[in-house]
Amino acid sequence: MSYSPQGRDVENAGFRCTRCGAGVAPHTAGSYRNHCPHCLWSRHVDELPGDRAAECGAPMEPVGVDYSGKKGYILLHRCTACGAQDRNKLAPDDDMDRVIELQRPR
């Protein structure tokens, strides 16, 4: 599958979260929004970052948090339908209580 990035105005659209129903505004910190800042869930829409080429469309559960020296804290997602995994940089307005919950041992 080829990578065909869309313009930032298309990538950075607001949306209604399919998990918690919250209205989510576009990201304002120079990146595009790829998960709900309230419940941290996402949707399986990309094959490659920003391409919106995935046909799955299923909810992606937040399953952990990682740290990258270049990008900072990274939210780990797993698709509830096909098992695909994705890494998304945390946004400044993400619910930090939920982020901390993901870091606790289970």
N, C-alpha and C. Protein backbone atom coordinates (compact mmCIF):
# COMPACT_ATOMS: atom_id res chain seq x y z
N MET A 1 0.85 -1.17 0.00
CA MET A 1 0.00 0.00 0.00
C MET A 1 0.89 1.23 0.00
N SER A 2 0.60 2.18 -0.84
CA SER A 2 1.43 3.37 -0.92
C SER A 2 0.99 4.40 0.12
N TYR A 3 1.90 5.25 0.48
CA TYR A 3 1.66 6.29 1.47
C TYR A 3 1.26 7.55 0.74
N SER A 4 0.08 8.04 1.02
CA SER A 4 -0.38 9.28 0.40
C SER A 4 -0.90 10.21 1.48
N PRO A 5 0.00 11.01 2.07
CA PRO A 5 -0.42 11.88 3.18
C PRO A 5 -1.43 12.92 2.73
N GLN A 6 -2.33 13.23 3.64
CA GLN A 6 -3.32 14.27 3.39
C GLN A 6 -2.80 15.56 3.98
N GLY A 7 -3.40 16.66 3.62
CA GLY A 7 -3.01 17.94 4.20
C GLY A 7 -3.31 17.97 5.68
N ARG A 8 -2.56 18.76 6.42
CA ARG A 8 -2.75 18.84 7.87
C ARG A 8 -4.17 19.26 8.24
N ASP A 9 -4.83 20.08 7.42
CA ASP A 9 -6.19 20.50 7.75
C ASP A 9 -7.17 19.33 7.68
N VAL A 10 -6.91 18.34 6.82
CA VAL A 10 -7.76 17.15 6.73
C VAL A 10 -7.42 16.18 7.85
N GLU A 11 -6.11 15.96 8.09
CA GLU A 11 -5.66 15.05 9.15
C GLU A 11 -6.10 15.53 10.52
N ASN A 12 -6.07 16.83 10.72
CA ASN A 12 -6.31 17.41 12.03
C ASN A 12 -7.76 17.86 12.19
N ALA A 13 -8.67 16.99 11.85
CA ALA A 13 -10.10 17.29 11.99
C ALA A 13 -10.59 16.87 13.36
N GLY A 14 -11.56 17.59 13.89
CA GLY A 14 -12.19 17.15 15.12
C GLY A 14 -13.05 15.93 14.84
N PHE A 15 -13.48 15.24 15.90
CA PHE A 15 -14.30 14.05 15.73
C PHE A 15 -15.07 13.75 17.02
N ARG A 16 -16.03 12.87 16.93
CA ARG A 16 -16.76 12.38 18.11
C ARG A 16 -16.17 11.02 18.45
N CYS A 17 -15.74 10.84 19.70
CA CYS A 17 -15.14 9.59 20.13
C CYS A 17 -16.16 8.46 20.07
N THR A 18 -15.80 7.37 19.42
CA THR A 18 -16.71 6.23 19.32
C THR A 18 -16.76 5.43 20.62
N ARG A 19 -15.84 5.65 21.53
CA ARG A 19 -15.82 4.93 22.80
C ARG A 19 -16.64 5.66 23.87
N CYS A 20 -16.31 6.93 24.13
CA CYS A 20 -16.97 7.65 25.23
C CYS A 20 -17.97 8.70 24.76
N GLY A 21 -17.99 8.99 23.45
CA GLY A 21 -18.95 9.94 22.90
C GLY A 21 -18.55 11.40 23.02
N ALA A 22 -17.39 11.68 23.58
CA ALA A 22 -16.95 13.07 23.73
C ALA A 22 -16.67 13.71 22.38
N GLY A 23 -17.02 14.98 22.26
CA GLY A 23 -16.61 15.76 21.10
C GLY A 23 -15.16 16.14 21.27
N VAL A 24 -14.33 15.85 20.28
CA VAL A 24 -12.90 16.09 20.37
C VAL A 24 -12.50 17.14 19.34
N ALA A 25 -11.95 18.23 19.82
CA ALA A 25 -11.53 19.32 18.94
C ALA A 25 -10.22 18.98 18.24
N PRO A 26 -9.93 19.62 17.11
CA PRO A 26 -8.64 19.42 16.45
C PRO A 26 -7.49 19.77 17.40
N HIS A 27 -6.36 19.14 17.21
CA HIS A 27 -5.16 19.39 18.01
C HIS A 27 -4.62 20.77 17.64
N THR A 28 -4.15 21.53 18.60
CA THR A 28 -3.66 22.88 18.32
C THR A 28 -2.16 23.02 18.50
N ALA A 29 -1.45 21.93 18.81
CA ALA A 29 -0.02 22.04 19.12
C ALA A 29 0.87 21.61 17.95
N GLY A 30 0.40 21.80 16.70
CA GLY A 30 1.25 21.53 15.55
C GLY A 30 1.25 20.10 15.06
N SER A 31 0.43 19.25 15.61
CA SER A 31 0.34 17.86 15.19
C SER A 31 -1.12 17.58 14.89
N TYR A 32 -1.44 16.34 14.52
CA TYR A 32 -2.84 16.03 14.31
C TYR A 32 -3.35 15.09 15.39
N ARG A 33 -4.62 15.19 15.67
CA ARG A 33 -5.26 14.44 16.74
C ARG A 33 -5.50 13.00 16.28
N ASN A 34 -5.07 12.02 17.08
CA ASN A 34 -5.29 10.64 16.69
C ASN A 34 -5.89 9.78 17.79
N HIS A 35 -6.29 10.39 18.91
CA HIS A 35 -6.98 9.65 19.96
C HIS A 35 -7.77 10.64 20.82
N CYS A 36 -8.72 10.10 21.54
CA CYS A 36 -9.56 10.92 22.42
C CYS A 36 -8.76 11.31 23.66
N PRO A 37 -8.69 12.61 24.00
CA PRO A 37 -7.94 13.01 25.18
C PRO A 37 -8.64 12.66 26.50
N HIS A 38 -9.92 12.27 26.42
CA HIS A 38 -10.69 11.95 27.62
C HIS A 38 -10.53 10.48 28.03
N CYS A 39 -10.78 9.56 27.09
CA CYS A 39 -10.70 8.13 27.41
C CYS A 39 -9.47 7.46 26.82
N LEU A 40 -8.73 8.17 25.95
CA LEU A 40 -7.49 7.74 25.30
C LEU A 40 -7.67 6.69 24.21
N TRP A 41 -8.91 6.31 23.89
CA TRP A 41 -9.16 5.34 22.83
C TRP A 41 -8.96 6.01 21.47
N SER A 42 -8.71 5.20 20.47
CA SER A 42 -8.50 5.67 19.12
C SER A 42 -9.33 4.81 18.17
N ARG A 43 -9.18 5.01 16.87
CA ARG A 43 -9.80 4.15 15.86
C ARG A 43 -8.73 3.72 14.89
N HIS A 44 -8.86 2.52 14.38
CA HIS A 44 -7.90 1.98 13.42
C HIS A 44 -8.19 2.59 12.05
N VAL A 45 -7.55 3.72 11.75
CA VAL A 45 -7.78 4.42 10.48
C VAL A 45 -6.52 4.53 9.63
N ASP A 46 -5.33 4.32 10.20
CA ASP A 46 -4.08 4.48 9.45
C ASP A 46 -3.35 3.16 9.26
N GLU A 47 -2.77 3.00 8.07
CA GLU A 47 -1.79 1.94 7.84
C GLU A 47 -0.41 2.49 8.18
N LEU A 48 -0.13 3.69 7.69
CA LEU A 48 1.06 4.46 8.03
C LEU A 48 0.58 5.77 8.63
N PRO A 49 1.35 6.38 9.53
CA PRO A 49 0.87 7.58 10.21
C PRO A 49 0.31 8.64 9.27
N GLY A 50 -0.97 8.99 9.51
CA GLY A 50 -1.62 10.06 8.77
C GLY A 50 -2.20 9.70 7.42
N ASP A 51 -2.07 8.44 6.97
CA ASP A 51 -2.54 8.12 5.61
C ASP A 51 -4.03 7.84 5.53
N ARG A 52 -4.68 7.54 6.66
CA ARG A 52 -6.11 7.23 6.73
C ARG A 52 -6.50 6.13 5.74
N ALA A 53 -5.60 5.15 5.53
CA ALA A 53 -5.80 4.10 4.54
C ALA A 53 -6.31 2.78 5.11
N ALA A 54 -6.42 2.64 6.43
CA ALA A 54 -6.89 1.38 7.01
C ALA A 54 -8.39 1.22 6.78
N GLU A 55 -8.78 0.06 6.35
CA GLU A 55 -10.20 -0.21 6.13
C GLU A 55 -10.89 -0.76 7.37
N CYS A 56 -10.13 -1.14 8.37
CA CYS A 56 -10.67 -1.77 9.57
C CYS A 56 -11.65 -0.85 10.29
N GLY A 57 -11.19 0.31 10.75
CA GLY A 57 -12.05 1.29 11.41
C GLY A 57 -12.50 0.93 12.81
N ALA A 58 -12.04 -0.20 13.35
CA ALA A 58 -12.46 -0.65 14.68
C ALA A 58 -11.82 0.20 15.79
N PRO A 59 -12.40 0.19 16.98
CA PRO A 59 -11.80 0.91 18.11
C PRO A 59 -10.43 0.33 18.46
N MET A 60 -9.53 1.21 18.89
CA MET A 60 -8.21 0.80 19.35
C MET A 60 -8.09 1.14 20.83
N GLU A 61 -7.88 0.11 21.62
CA GLU A 61 -7.79 0.26 23.07
C GLU A 61 -6.41 0.75 23.49
N PRO A 62 -6.36 1.72 24.42
CA PRO A 62 -5.05 2.10 24.97
C PRO A 62 -4.58 0.98 25.89
N VAL A 63 -3.39 0.44 25.63
CA VAL A 63 -2.91 -0.71 26.39
C VAL A 63 -1.63 -0.46 27.16
N GLY A 64 -1.03 0.70 26.99
CA GLY A 64 0.20 0.98 27.71
C GLY A 64 0.78 2.32 27.34
N VAL A 65 1.88 2.64 28.00
CA VAL A 65 2.60 3.87 27.75
C VAL A 65 4.08 3.52 27.66
N ASP A 66 4.76 4.13 26.71
CA ASP A 66 6.19 3.91 26.51
C ASP A 66 6.86 5.28 26.50
N TYR A 67 8.18 5.29 26.52
CA TYR A 67 8.90 6.56 26.44
C TYR A 67 9.93 6.48 25.33
N SER A 68 9.97 7.52 24.51
CA SER A 68 10.95 7.64 23.44
C SER A 68 11.75 8.91 23.68
N GLY A 69 13.06 8.81 23.60
CA GLY A 69 13.91 9.98 23.81
C GLY A 69 13.62 11.10 22.84
N LYS A 70 13.15 10.77 21.64
CA LYS A 70 12.86 11.79 20.64
C LYS A 70 11.46 12.39 20.81
N LYS A 71 10.47 11.54 21.07
CA LYS A 71 9.08 11.99 21.06
C LYS A 71 8.47 12.16 22.44
N GLY A 72 9.13 11.71 23.47
CA GLY A 72 8.56 11.78 24.81
C GLY A 72 7.67 10.58 25.09
N TYR A 73 6.59 10.78 25.82
CA TYR A 73 5.71 9.68 26.19
C TYR A 73 4.81 9.30 25.02
N ILE A 74 4.69 8.00 24.82
CA ILE A 74 3.97 7.43 23.69
C ILE A 74 2.85 6.53 24.21
N LEU A 75 1.65 6.73 23.69
CA LEU A 75 0.48 5.92 24.04
C LEU A 75 0.45 4.71 23.10
N LEU A 76 0.33 3.52 23.67
CA LEU A 76 0.28 2.29 22.89
C LEU A 76 -1.17 1.85 22.73
N HIS A 77 -1.57 1.58 21.48
CA HIS A 77 -2.94 1.14 21.18
C HIS A 77 -2.92 -0.22 20.51
N ARG A 78 -3.98 -1.01 20.76
CA ARG A 78 -4.19 -2.30 20.07
C ARG A 78 -5.60 -2.32 19.53
N CYS A 79 -5.74 -2.67 18.24
CA CYS A 79 -7.05 -2.74 17.60
C CYS A 79 -7.86 -3.88 18.20
N THR A 80 -9.11 -3.59 18.54
CA THR A 80 -9.98 -4.59 19.16
C THR A 80 -10.50 -5.61 18.15
N ALA A 81 -10.34 -5.35 16.85
CA ALA A 81 -10.83 -6.28 15.83
C ALA A 81 -9.70 -7.11 15.22
N CYS A 82 -8.66 -6.45 14.75
CA CYS A 82 -7.62 -7.18 14.00
C CYS A 82 -6.31 -7.32 14.76
N GLY A 83 -6.18 -6.68 15.91
CA GLY A 83 -4.97 -6.81 16.73
C GLY A 83 -3.81 -5.92 16.32
N ALA A 84 -3.98 -5.09 15.28
CA ALA A 84 -2.91 -4.19 14.88
C ALA A 84 -2.54 -3.29 16.05
N GLN A 85 -1.26 -2.94 16.13
CA GLN A 85 -0.79 -2.09 17.20
C GLN A 85 -0.27 -0.78 16.62
N ASP A 86 -0.37 0.28 17.42
CA ASP A 86 0.04 1.60 16.98
C ASP A 86 0.63 2.35 18.16
N ARG A 87 1.47 3.32 17.86
CA ARG A 87 2.11 4.17 18.87
C ARG A 87 1.75 5.62 18.54
N ASN A 88 1.22 6.34 19.52
CA ASN A 88 0.81 7.72 19.32
C ASN A 88 1.36 8.60 20.44
N LYS A 89 1.96 9.69 20.05
CA LYS A 89 2.50 10.63 21.03
C LYS A 89 1.37 11.18 21.90
N LEU A 90 1.62 11.26 23.20
CA LEU A 90 0.63 11.87 24.10
C LEU A 90 0.46 13.35 23.75
N ALA A 91 -0.75 13.83 23.91
CA ALA A 91 -1.06 15.24 23.66
C ALA A 91 -1.09 15.98 25.00
N PRO A 92 -0.82 17.28 24.98
CA PRO A 92 -0.80 18.05 26.23
C PRO A 92 -2.12 18.02 26.99
N ASP A 93 -3.25 17.82 26.30
CA ASP A 93 -4.54 17.84 26.98
C ASP A 93 -5.08 16.45 27.31
N ASP A 94 -4.25 15.40 27.17
CA ASP A 94 -4.69 14.05 27.52
C ASP A 94 -4.96 13.94 29.02
N ASP A 95 -5.94 13.12 29.38
CA ASP A 95 -6.30 12.89 30.78
C ASP A 95 -5.15 12.13 31.46
N MET A 96 -4.35 12.84 32.23
CA MET A 96 -3.15 12.24 32.83
C MET A 96 -3.49 11.19 33.88
N ASP A 97 -4.65 11.27 34.52
CA ASP A 97 -5.03 10.20 35.46
C ASP A 97 -5.17 8.88 34.71
N ARG A 98 -5.75 8.90 33.52
CA ARG A 98 -5.88 7.68 32.72
C ARG A 98 -4.51 7.19 32.22
N VAL A 99 -3.65 8.13 31.87
CA VAL A 99 -2.29 7.77 31.43
C VAL A 99 -1.57 7.05 32.56
N ILE A 100 -1.68 7.58 33.78
CA ILE A 100 -1.04 6.97 34.94
C ILE A 100 -1.62 5.58 35.21
N GLU A 101 -2.93 5.42 35.06
CA GLU A 101 -3.56 4.10 35.21
C GLU A 101 -2.93 3.07 34.29
N LEU A 102 -2.66 3.47 33.05
CA LEU A 102 -2.07 2.54 32.08
C LEU A 102 -0.66 2.10 32.46
N GLN A 103 0.01 2.88 33.30
CA GLN A 103 1.38 2.56 33.69
C GLN A 103 1.45 1.67 34.93
N ARG A 104 0.33 1.50 35.61
CA ARG A 104 0.32 0.66 36.81
C ARG A 104 0.41 -0.81 36.44
N PRO A 105 1.13 -1.59 37.22
CA PRO A 105 1.20 -3.03 36.97
C PRO A 105 -0.19 -3.65 37.11
N ARG A 106 -0.46 -4.64 36.27
CA ARG A 106 -1.79 -5.31 36.32
C ARG A 106 -1.72 -6.62 37.01
